[in-house]
Amino acid sequence: MITVKELIEHLQKYPQDTVIGVMYRLHSDYEPMELQEIEFYGKAERDSDSNYPRYSRPERYVLRNGRIMEYDPLTWPKDEEPQFIPLLIFPGN
């Protein structure tokens, strides 16, 4: 279990001047959050050869027109470069 102070200190390690998508994993019960359950997927993770679960693939979410949305290569305009965003994934809902 982590304290609010520990959570804030942990979050300060992430980029401070960029848009980050925040997601939550689904849980059926309330439970204490553990520090190791917080995941961050930035550019380095996206560029690696790792396999990600579908819900947390870093290349899934983009910033477009000031909004975060899902990226679909089949419907994305060919002349527009997608701006992928880092993801911060918390446990629980």
PDB file of N, CA and C in Angstrom:
ATOM      1  N   MET A   1       0.847  -1.162   0.000  1.00  0.00           N
ATOM      2  CA  MET A   1       0.000   0.000   0.000  1.00  0.00           C
ATOM      3  C   MET A   1       0.901   1.237   0.000  1.00  0.00           C
ATOM      4  N   ILE A   2       0.508   2.254  -0.771  1.00  0.00           N
ATOM      5  CA  ILE A   2       1.312   3.474  -0.831  1.00  0.00           C
ATOM      6  C   ILE A   2       0.535   4.642  -0.233  1.00  0.00           C
ATOM      7  N   THR A   3       1.277   5.624   0.205  1.00  0.00           N
ATOM      8  CA  THR A   3       0.656   6.832   0.748  1.00  0.00           C
ATOM      9  C   THR A   3       0.512   7.854  -0.375  1.00  0.00           C
ATOM     10  N   VAL A   4      -0.270   8.884  -0.132  1.00  0.00           N
ATOM     11  CA  VAL A   4      -0.445   9.950  -1.113  1.00  0.00           C
ATOM     12  C   VAL A   4       0.896  10.610  -1.411  1.00  0.00           C
ATOM     13  N   LYS A   5       1.711  10.812  -0.382  1.00  0.00           N
ATOM     14  CA  LYS A   5       3.030  11.417  -0.569  1.00  0.00           C
ATOM     15  C   LYS A   5       3.889  10.564  -1.498  1.00  0.00           C
ATOM     16  N   GLU A   6       3.891   9.244  -1.281  1.00  0.00           N
ATOM     17  CA  GLU A   6       4.659   8.343  -2.141  1.00  0.00           C
ATOM     18  C   GLU A   6       4.139   8.365  -3.575  1.00  0.00           C
ATOM     19  N   LEU A   7       2.824   8.440  -3.723  1.00  0.00           N
ATOM     20  CA  LEU A   7       2.228   8.508  -5.059  1.00  0.00           C
ATOM     21  C   LEU A   7       2.664   9.777  -5.778  1.00  0.00           C
ATOM     22  N   ILE A   8       2.610  10.909  -5.092  1.00  0.00           N
ATOM     23  CA  ILE A   8       3.020  12.179  -5.694  1.00  0.00           C
ATOM     24  C   ILE A   8       4.496  12.133  -6.081  1.00  0.00           C
ATOM     25  N   GLU A   9       5.340  11.615  -5.210  1.00  0.00           N
ATOM     26  CA  GLU A   9       6.769  11.505  -5.522  1.00  0.00           C
ATOM     27  C   GLU A   9       6.996  10.616  -6.742  1.00  0.00           C
ATOM     28  N   HIS A  10       6.234   9.547  -6.831  1.00  0.00           N
ATOM     29  CA  HIS A  10       6.362   8.638  -7.975  1.00  0.00           C
ATOM     30  C   HIS A  10       5.914   9.325  -9.263  1.00  0.00           C
ATOM     31  N   LEU A  11       4.813  10.043  -9.213  1.00  0.00           N
ATOM     32  CA  LEU A  11       4.285  10.706 -10.404  1.00  0.00           C
ATOM     33  C   LEU A  11       5.194  11.835 -10.887  1.00  0.00           C
ATOM     34  N   GLN A  12       5.961  12.426  -9.992  1.00  0.00           N
ATOM     35  CA  GLN A  12       6.870  13.504 -10.379  1.00  0.00           C
ATOM     36  C   GLN A  12       8.033  13.008 -11.228  1.00  0.00           C
ATOM     37  N   LYS A  13       8.233  11.705 -11.314  1.00  0.00           N
ATOM     38  CA  LYS A  13       9.288  11.137 -12.141  1.00  0.00           C
ATOM     39  C   LYS A  13       8.925  11.178 -13.627  1.00  0.00           C
ATOM     40  N   TYR A  14       7.643  11.282 -13.940  1.00  0.00           N
ATOM     41  CA  TYR A  14       7.181  11.241 -15.318  1.00  0.00           C
ATOM     42  C   TYR A  14       7.281  12.617 -15.961  1.00  0.00           C
ATOM     43  N   PRO A  15       7.232  12.672 -17.287  1.00  0.00           N
ATOM     44  CA  PRO A  15       7.336  13.965 -17.974  1.00  0.00           C
ATOM     45  C   PRO A  15       6.317  14.971 -17.441  1.00  0.00           C
ATOM     46  N   GLN A  16       6.794  16.178 -17.147  1.00  0.00           N
ATOM     47  CA  GLN A  16       5.942  17.201 -16.541  1.00  0.00           C
ATOM     48  C   GLN A  16       5.315  18.135 -17.567  1.00  0.00           C
ATOM     49  N   ASP A  17       5.827  18.143 -18.790  1.00  0.00           N
ATOM     50  CA  ASP A  17       5.367  19.128 -19.770  1.00  0.00           C
ATOM     51  C   ASP A  17       4.743  18.491 -21.010  1.00  0.00           C
ATOM     52  N   THR A  18       4.103  17.355 -20.842  1.00  0.00           N
ATOM     53  CA  THR A  18       3.495  16.684 -21.986  1.00  0.00           C
ATOM     54  C   THR A  18       2.114  16.167 -21.607  1.00  0.00           C
ATOM     55  N   VAL A  19       1.323  15.870 -22.609  1.00  0.00           N
ATOM     56  CA  VAL A  19      -0.002  15.282 -22.391  1.00  0.00           C
ATOM     57  C   VAL A  19       0.189  13.790 -22.166  1.00  0.00           C
ATOM     58  N   ILE A  20      -0.410  13.283 -21.109  1.00  0.00           N
ATOM     59  CA  ILE A  20      -0.324  11.862 -20.789  1.00  0.00           C
ATOM     60  C   ILE A  20      -1.738  11.314 -20.669  1.00  0.00           C
ATOM     61  N   GLY A  21      -1.999  10.215 -21.343  1.00  0.00           N
ATOM     62  CA  GLY A  21      -3.287   9.539 -21.196  1.00  0.00           C
ATOM     63  C   GLY A  21      -3.279   8.712 -19.930  1.00  0.00           C
ATOM     64  N   VAL A  22      -4.326   8.821 -19.133  1.00  0.00           N
ATOM     65  CA  VAL A  22      -4.429   8.063 -17.881  1.00  0.00           C
ATOM     66  C   VAL A  22      -5.519   7.016 -18.046  1.00  0.00           C
ATOM     67  N   MET A  23      -5.173   5.769 -17.737  1.00  0.00           N
ATOM     68  CA  MET A  23      -6.118   4.665 -17.828  1.00  0.00           C
ATOM     69  C   MET A  23      -6.178   3.949 -16.488  1.00  0.00           C
ATOM     70  N   TYR A  24      -7.254   3.220 -16.284  1.00  0.00           N
ATOM     71  CA  TYR A  24      -7.419   2.421 -15.070  1.00  0.00           C
ATOM     72  C   TYR A  24      -7.762   0.996 -15.465  1.00  0.00           C
ATOM     73  N   ARG A  25      -7.107   0.043 -14.808  1.00  0.00           N
ATOM     74  CA  ARG A  25      -7.461  -1.358 -15.007  1.00  0.00           C
ATOM     75  C   ARG A  25      -8.762  -1.624 -14.246  1.00  0.00           C
ATOM     76  N   LEU A  26      -9.507  -2.582 -14.694  1.00  0.00           N
ATOM     77  CA  LEU A  26     -10.762  -2.914 -14.028  1.00  0.00           C
ATOM     78  C   LEU A  26     -10.528  -3.872 -12.871  1.00  0.00           C
ATOM     79  N   HIS A  27     -11.135  -3.571 -11.770  1.00  0.00           N
ATOM     80  CA  HIS A  27     -11.139  -4.446 -10.592  1.00  0.00           C
ATOM     81  C   HIS A  27     -12.560  -4.460 -10.063  1.00  0.00           C
ATOM     82  N   SER A  28     -12.956  -5.548  -9.455  1.00  0.00           N
ATOM     83  CA  SER A  28     -14.314  -5.636  -8.947  1.00  0.00           C
ATOM     84  C   SER A  28     -14.448  -5.122  -7.517  1.00  0.00           C
ATOM     85  N   ASP A  29     -13.340  -5.013  -6.805  1.00  0.00           N
ATOM     86  CA  ASP A  29     -13.392  -4.584  -5.408  1.00  0.00           C
ATOM     87  C   ASP A  29     -12.450  -3.408  -5.186  1.00  0.00           C
ATOM     88  N   TYR A  30     -12.680  -2.713  -4.089  1.00  0.00           N
ATOM     89  CA  TYR A  30     -11.732  -1.682  -3.676  1.00  0.00           C
ATOM     90  C   TYR A  30     -10.546  -2.387  -3.032  1.00  0.00           C
ATOM     91  N   GLU A  31      -9.373  -1.923  -3.339  1.00  0.00           N
ATOM     92  CA  GLU A  31      -8.182  -2.529  -2.761  1.00  0.00           C
ATOM     93  C   GLU A  31      -7.081  -1.486  -2.697  1.00  0.00           C
ATOM     94  N   PRO A  32      -6.152  -1.622  -1.787  1.00  0.00           N
ATOM     95  CA  PRO A  32      -5.039  -0.669  -1.692  1.00  0.00           C
ATOM     96  C   PRO A  32      -4.179  -0.724  -2.947  1.00  0.00           C
ATOM     97  N   MET A  33      -3.715   0.426  -3.390  1.00  0.00           N
ATOM     98  CA  MET A  33      -2.865   0.490  -4.569  1.00  0.00           C
ATOM     99  C   MET A  33      -1.424   0.252  -4.162  1.00  0.00           C
ATOM    100  N   GLU A  34      -0.726  -0.523  -4.965  1.00  0.00           N
ATOM    101  CA  GLU A  34       0.693  -0.793  -4.759  1.00  0.00           C
ATOM    102  C   GLU A  34       1.476  -0.033  -5.819  1.00  0.00           C
ATOM    103  N   LEU A  35       2.633   0.476  -5.443  1.00  0.00           N
ATOM    104  CA  LEU A  35       3.461   1.263  -6.352  1.00  0.00           C
ATOM    105  C   LEU A  35       3.836   0.493  -7.613  1.00  0.00           C
ATOM    106  N   GLN A  36       4.142  -0.787  -7.474  1.00  0.00           N
ATOM    107  CA  GLN A  36       4.555  -1.569  -8.630  1.00  0.00           C
ATOM    108  C   GLN A  36       3.408  -1.843  -9.601  1.00  0.00           C
ATOM    109  N   GLU A  37       2.175  -1.543  -9.219  1.00  0.00           N
ATOM    110  CA  GLU A  37       1.032  -1.743 -10.108  1.00  0.00           C
ATOM    111  C   GLU A  37       0.838  -0.590 -11.080  1.00  0.00           C
ATOM    112  N   ILE A  38       1.507   0.540 -10.851  1.00  0.00           N
ATOM    113  CA  ILE A  38       1.403   1.690 -11.742  1.00  0.00           C
ATOM    114  C   ILE A  38       2.358   1.461 -12.910  1.00  0.00           C
ATOM    115  N   GLU A  39       1.838   1.550 -14.125  1.00  0.00           N
ATOM    116  CA  GLU A  39       2.658   1.313 -15.303  1.00  0.00           C
ATOM    117  C   GLU A  39       2.712   2.584 -16.144  1.00  0.00           C
ATOM    118  N   PHE A  40       3.846   2.813 -16.783  1.00  0.00           N
ATOM    119  CA  PHE A  40       4.014   3.963 -17.666  1.00  0.00           C
ATOM    120  C   PHE A  40       4.573   3.471 -18.987  1.00  0.00           C
ATOM    121  N   TYR A  41       3.936   3.858 -20.080  1.00  0.00           N
ATOM    122  CA  TYR A  41       4.405   3.509 -21.418  1.00  0.00           C
ATOM    123  C   TYR A  41       4.642   4.784 -22.200  1.00  0.00           C
ATOM    124  N   GLY A  42       5.912   5.133 -22.345  1.00  0.00           N
ATOM    125  CA  GLY A  42       6.285   6.308 -23.112  1.00  0.00           C
ATOM    126  C   GLY A  42       6.894   5.910 -24.445  1.00  0.00           C
ATOM    127  N   LYS A  43       7.642   6.821 -25.035  1.00  0.00           N
ATOM    128  CA  LYS A  43       8.235   6.570 -26.347  1.00  0.00           C
ATOM    129  C   LYS A  43       9.211   5.400 -26.318  1.00  0.00           C
ATOM    130  N   ALA A  44      10.034   5.312 -25.289  1.00  0.00           N
ATOM    131  CA  ALA A  44      11.015   4.216 -25.215  1.00  0.00           C
ATOM    132  C   ALA A  44      10.312   2.866 -25.185  1.00  0.00           C
ATOM    133  N   GLU A  45       9.245   2.757 -24.423  1.00  0.00           N
ATOM    134  CA  GLU A  45       8.504   1.498 -24.340  1.00  0.00           C
ATOM    135  C   GLU A  45       7.796   1.207 -25.664  1.00  0.00           C
ATOM    136  N   ARG A  46       7.278   2.259 -26.304  1.00  0.00           N
ATOM    137  CA  ARG A  46       6.575   2.078 -27.572  1.00  0.00           C
ATOM    138  C   ARG A  46       7.542   1.602 -28.653  1.00  0.00           C
ATOM    139  N   ASP A  47       8.782   2.102 -28.624  1.00  0.00           N
ATOM    140  CA  ASP A  47       9.762   1.742 -29.637  1.00  0.00           C
ATOM    141  C   ASP A  47      10.431   0.395 -29.386  1.00  0.00           C
ATOM    142  N   SER A  48      10.216  -0.188 -28.209  1.00  0.00           N
ATOM    143  CA  SER A  48      10.835  -1.479 -27.904  1.00  0.00           C
ATOM    144  C   SER A  48      10.054  -2.600 -28.585  1.00  0.00           C
ATOM    145  N   ASP A  49      10.592  -3.794 -28.501  1.00  0.00           N
ATOM    146  CA  ASP A  49       9.947  -4.953 -29.134  1.00  0.00           C
ATOM    147  C   ASP A  49       8.958  -5.650 -28.211  1.00  0.00           C
ATOM    148  N   SER A  50       8.609  -5.036 -27.097  1.00  0.00           N
ATOM    149  CA  SER A  50       7.724  -5.690 -26.120  1.00  0.00           C
ATOM    150  C   SER A  50       6.334  -5.918 -26.696  1.00  0.00           C
ATOM    151  N   ASN A  51       5.700  -6.962 -26.216  1.00  0.00           N
ATOM    152  CA  ASN A  51       4.302  -7.217 -26.583  1.00  0.00           C
ATOM    153  C   ASN A  51       3.425  -6.691 -25.456  1.00  0.00           C
ATOM    154  N   TYR A  52       2.462  -5.861 -25.814  1.00  0.00           N
ATOM    155  CA  TYR A  52       1.577  -5.268 -24.818  1.00  0.00           C
ATOM    156  C   TYR A  52       0.187  -5.861 -24.948  1.00  0.00           C
ATOM    157  N   PRO A  53      -0.533  -5.935 -23.848  1.00  0.00           N
ATOM    158  CA  PRO A  53      -1.941  -6.311 -23.959  1.00  0.00           C
ATOM    159  C   PRO A  53      -2.665  -5.269 -24.804  1.00  0.00           C
ATOM    160  N   ARG A  54      -3.714  -5.651 -25.482  1.00  0.00           N
ATOM    161  CA  ARG A  54      -4.430  -4.744 -26.395  1.00  0.00           C
ATOM    162  C   ARG A  54      -4.837  -3.445 -25.727  1.00  0.00           C
ATOM    163  N   TYR A  55      -5.335  -3.489 -24.501  1.00  0.00           N
ATOM    164  CA  TYR A  55      -5.834  -2.282 -23.847  1.00  0.00           C
ATOM    165  C   TYR A  55      -4.737  -1.289 -23.501  1.00  0.00           C
ATOM    166  N   SER A  56      -3.503  -1.739 -23.442  1.00  0.00           N
ATOM    167  CA  SER A  56      -2.452  -0.823 -23.003  1.00  0.00           C
ATOM    168  C   SER A  56      -1.358  -0.624 -24.042  1.00  0.00           C
ATOM    169  N   ARG A  57      -1.612  -1.011 -25.294  1.00  0.00           N
ATOM    170  CA  ARG A  57      -0.600  -0.784 -26.320  1.00  0.00           C
ATOM    171  C   ARG A  57      -0.343   0.708 -26.453  1.00  0.00           C
ATOM    172  N   PRO A  58       0.896   1.158 -26.321  1.00  0.00           N
ATOM    173  CA  PRO A  58       1.191   2.584 -26.388  1.00  0.00           C
ATOM    174  C   PRO A  58       0.818   3.221 -27.716  1.00  0.00           C
ATOM    175  N   GLU A  59       0.804   2.457 -28.794  1.00  0.00           N
ATOM    176  CA  GLU A  59       0.452   3.046 -30.075  1.00  0.00           C
ATOM    177  C   GLU A  59      -1.055   3.105 -30.310  1.00  0.00           C
ATOM    178  N   ARG A  60      -1.826   2.856 -29.289  1.00  0.00           N
ATOM    179  CA  ARG A  60      -3.273   2.832 -29.444  1.00  0.00           C
ATOM    180  C   ARG A  60      -3.915   4.210 -29.289  1.00  0.00           C
ATOM    181  N   TYR A  61      -3.289   5.124 -28.550  1.00  0.00           N
ATOM    182  CA  TYR A  61      -3.905   6.417 -28.272  1.00  0.00           C
ATOM    183  C   TYR A  61      -3.078   7.561 -28.832  1.00  0.00           C
ATOM    184  N   VAL A  62      -3.774   8.544 -29.414  1.00  0.00           N
ATOM    185  CA  VAL A  62      -3.134   9.694 -30.044  1.00  0.00           C
ATOM    186  C   VAL A  62      -3.787  10.984 -29.556  1.00  0.00           C
ATOM    187  N   LEU A  63      -3.052  12.068 -29.718  1.00  0.00           N
ATOM    188  CA  LEU A  63      -3.596  13.393 -29.436  1.00  0.00           C
ATOM    189  C   LEU A  63      -3.944  14.018 -30.783  1.00  0.00           C
ATOM    190  N   ARG A  64      -5.213  14.405 -30.937  1.00  0.00           N
ATOM    191  CA  ARG A  64      -5.670  15.007 -32.188  1.00  0.00           C
ATOM    192  C   ARG A  64      -6.695  16.084 -31.878  1.00  0.00           C
ATOM    193  N   ASN A  65      -6.445  17.272 -32.384  1.00  0.00           N
ATOM    194  CA  ASN A  65      -7.349  18.398 -32.155  1.00  0.00           C
ATOM    195  C   ASN A  65      -7.589  18.648 -30.668  1.00  0.00           C
ATOM    196  N   GLY A  66      -6.547  18.483 -29.860  1.00  0.00           N
ATOM    197  CA  GLY A  66      -6.650  18.746 -28.435  1.00  0.00           C
ATOM    198  C   GLY A  66      -7.373  17.688 -27.637  1.00  0.00           C
ATOM    199  N   ARG A  67      -7.657  16.539 -28.254  1.00  0.00           N
ATOM    200  CA  ARG A  67      -8.368  15.461 -27.561  1.00  0.00           C
ATOM    201  C   ARG A  67      -7.601  14.160 -27.703  1.00  0.00           C
ATOM    202  N   ILE A  68      -7.709  13.319 -26.696  1.00  0.00           N
ATOM    203  CA  ILE A  68      -7.103  12.001 -26.749  1.00  0.00           C
ATOM    204  C   ILE A  68      -8.123  11.055 -27.367  1.00  0.00           C
ATOM    205  N   MET A  69      -7.684  10.302 -28.363  1.00  0.00           N
ATOM    206  CA  MET A  69      -8.590   9.356 -29.017  1.00  0.00           C
ATOM    207  C   MET A  69      -7.834   8.099 -29.412  1.00  0.00           C
ATOM    208  N   GLU A  70      -8.603   7.063 -29.717  1.00  0.00           N
ATOM    209  CA  GLU A  70      -7.999   5.814 -30.155  1.00  0.00           C
ATOM    210  C   GLU A  70      -7.493   5.953 -31.581  1.00  0.00           C
ATOM    211  N   TYR A  71      -6.340   5.366 -31.831  1.00  0.00           N
ATOM    212  CA  TYR A  71      -5.754   5.383 -33.170  1.00  0.00           C
ATOM    213  C   TYR A  71      -6.182   4.140 -33.926  1.00  0.00           C
ATOM    214  N   ASP A  72      -6.690   4.346 -35.121  1.00  0.00           N
ATOM    215  CA  ASP A  72      -7.050   3.236 -35.991  1.00  0.00           C
ATOM    216  C   ASP A  72      -6.364   3.466 -37.328  1.00  0.00           C
ATOM    217  N   PRO A  73      -5.338   2.667 -37.660  1.00  0.00           N
ATOM    218  CA  PRO A  73      -4.592   2.904 -38.894  1.00  0.00           C
ATOM    219  C   PRO A  73      -5.445   2.769 -40.155  1.00  0.00           C
ATOM    220  N   LEU A  74      -6.566   2.057 -40.059  1.00  0.00           N
ATOM    221  CA  LEU A  74      -7.418   1.882 -41.231  1.00  0.00           C
ATOM    222  C   LEU A  74      -8.215   3.143 -41.566  1.00  0.00           C
ATOM    223  N   THR A  75      -8.536   3.944 -40.558  1.00  0.00           N
ATOM    224  CA  THR A  75      -9.345   5.139 -40.803  1.00  0.00           C
ATOM    225  C   THR A  75      -8.570   6.437 -40.647  1.00  0.00           C
ATOM    226  N   TRP A  76      -7.329   6.358 -40.231  1.00  0.00           N
ATOM    227  CA  TRP A  76      -6.530   7.557 -40.016  1.00  0.00           C
ATOM    228  C   TRP A  76      -6.166   8.189 -41.356  1.00  0.00           C
ATOM    229  N   PRO A  77      -6.281   9.516 -41.500  1.00  0.00           N
ATOM    230  CA  PRO A  77      -5.914  10.171 -42.764  1.00  0.00           C
ATOM    231  C   PRO A  77      -4.451   9.885 -43.122  1.00  0.00           C
ATOM    232  N   LYS A  78      -4.222   9.496 -44.371  1.00  0.00           N
ATOM    233  CA  LYS A  78      -2.869   9.120 -44.816  1.00  0.00           C
ATOM    234  C   LYS A  78      -1.895  10.288 -44.770  1.00  0.00           C
ATOM    235  N   ASP A  79      -2.387  11.520 -44.916  1.00  0.00           N
ATOM    236  CA  ASP A  79      -1.510  12.684 -44.941  1.00  0.00           C
ATOM    237  C   ASP A  79      -1.251  13.274 -43.557  1.00  0.00           C
ATOM    238  N   GLU A  80      -1.790  12.652 -42.521  1.00  0.00           N
ATOM    239  CA  GLU A  80      -1.631  13.167 -41.156  1.00  0.00           C
ATOM    240  C   GLU A  80      -0.796  12.203 -40.316  1.00  0.00           C
ATOM    241  N   GLU A  81       0.247  12.731 -39.702  1.00  0.00           N
ATOM    242  CA  GLU A  81       1.124  11.924 -38.846  1.00  0.00           C
ATOM    243  C   GLU A  81       0.489  11.785 -37.461  1.00  0.00           C
ATOM    244  N   PRO A  82       0.243  10.560 -36.961  1.00  0.00           N
ATOM    245  CA  PRO A  82      -0.335  10.412 -35.621  1.00  0.00           C
ATOM    246  C   PRO A  82       0.646  10.849 -34.545  1.00  0.00           C
ATOM    247  N   GLN A  83       0.151  11.555 -33.541  1.00  0.00           N
ATOM    248  CA  GLN A  83       0.968  12.000 -32.407  1.00  0.00           C
ATOM    249  C   GLN A  83       0.619  11.116 -31.214  1.00  0.00           C
ATOM    250  N   PHE A  84       1.355  10.015 -31.071  1.00  0.00           N
ATOM    251  CA  PHE A  84       1.091   9.063 -29.991  1.00  0.00           C
ATOM    252  C   PHE A  84       1.427   9.699 -28.651  1.00  0.00           C
ATOM    253  N   ILE A  85       0.665   9.340 -27.627  1.00  0.00           N
ATOM    254  CA  ILE A  85       0.864   9.915 -26.303  1.00  0.00           C
ATOM    255  C   ILE A  85       1.320   8.840 -25.317  1.00  0.00           C
ATOM    256  N   PRO A  86       2.071   9.245 -24.301  1.00  0.00           N
ATOM    257  CA  PRO A  86       2.432   8.299 -23.241  1.00  0.00           C
ATOM    258  C   PRO A  86       1.184   7.903 -22.449  1.00  0.00           C
ATOM    259  N   LEU A  87       1.193   6.701 -21.909  1.00  0.00           N
ATOM    260  CA  LEU A  87       0.081   6.210 -21.097  1.00  0.00           C
ATOM    261  C   LEU A  87       0.549   5.955 -19.667  1.00  0.00           C
ATOM    262  N   LEU A  88      -0.260   6.365 -18.717  1.00  0.00           N
ATOM    263  CA  LEU A  88      -0.027   6.069 -17.306  1.00  0.00           C
ATOM    264  C   LEU A  88      -1.207   5.214 -16.873  1.00  0.00           C
ATOM    265  N   ILE A  89      -0.950   3.974 -16.459  1.00  0.00           N
ATOM    266  CA  ILE A  89      -2.028   3.039 -16.151  1.00  0.00           C
ATOM    267  C   ILE A  89      -2.035   2.737 -14.655  1.00  0.00           C
ATOM    268  N   PHE A  90      -3.166   3.050 -14.033  1.00  0.00           N
ATOM    269  CA  PHE A  90      -3.364   2.799 -12.611  1.00  0.00           C
ATOM    270  C   PHE A  90      -4.192   1.527 -12.432  1.00  0.00           C
ATOM    271  N   PRO A  91      -4.002   0.831 -11.321  1.00  0.00           N
ATOM    272  CA  PRO A  91      -4.878  -0.297 -11.019  1.00  0.00           C
ATOM    273  C   PRO A  91      -6.221   0.213 -10.537  1.00  0.00           C
ATOM    274  N   GLY A  92      -7.218  -0.614 -10.614  1.00  0.00           N
ATOM    275  CA  GLY A  92      -8.522  -0.264 -10.054  1.00  0.00           C
ATOM    276  C   GLY A  92      -9.368   0.624 -10.930  1.00  0.00           C
ATOM    277  N   ASN A  93     -10.563   0.910 -10.450  1.00  0.00           N
ATOM    278  CA  ASN A  93     -11.478   1.750 -11.207  1.00  0.00           C
ATOM    279  C   ASN A  93     -12.110   2.787 -10.316  1.00  0.00           C
TER     280      ASN A  93
END
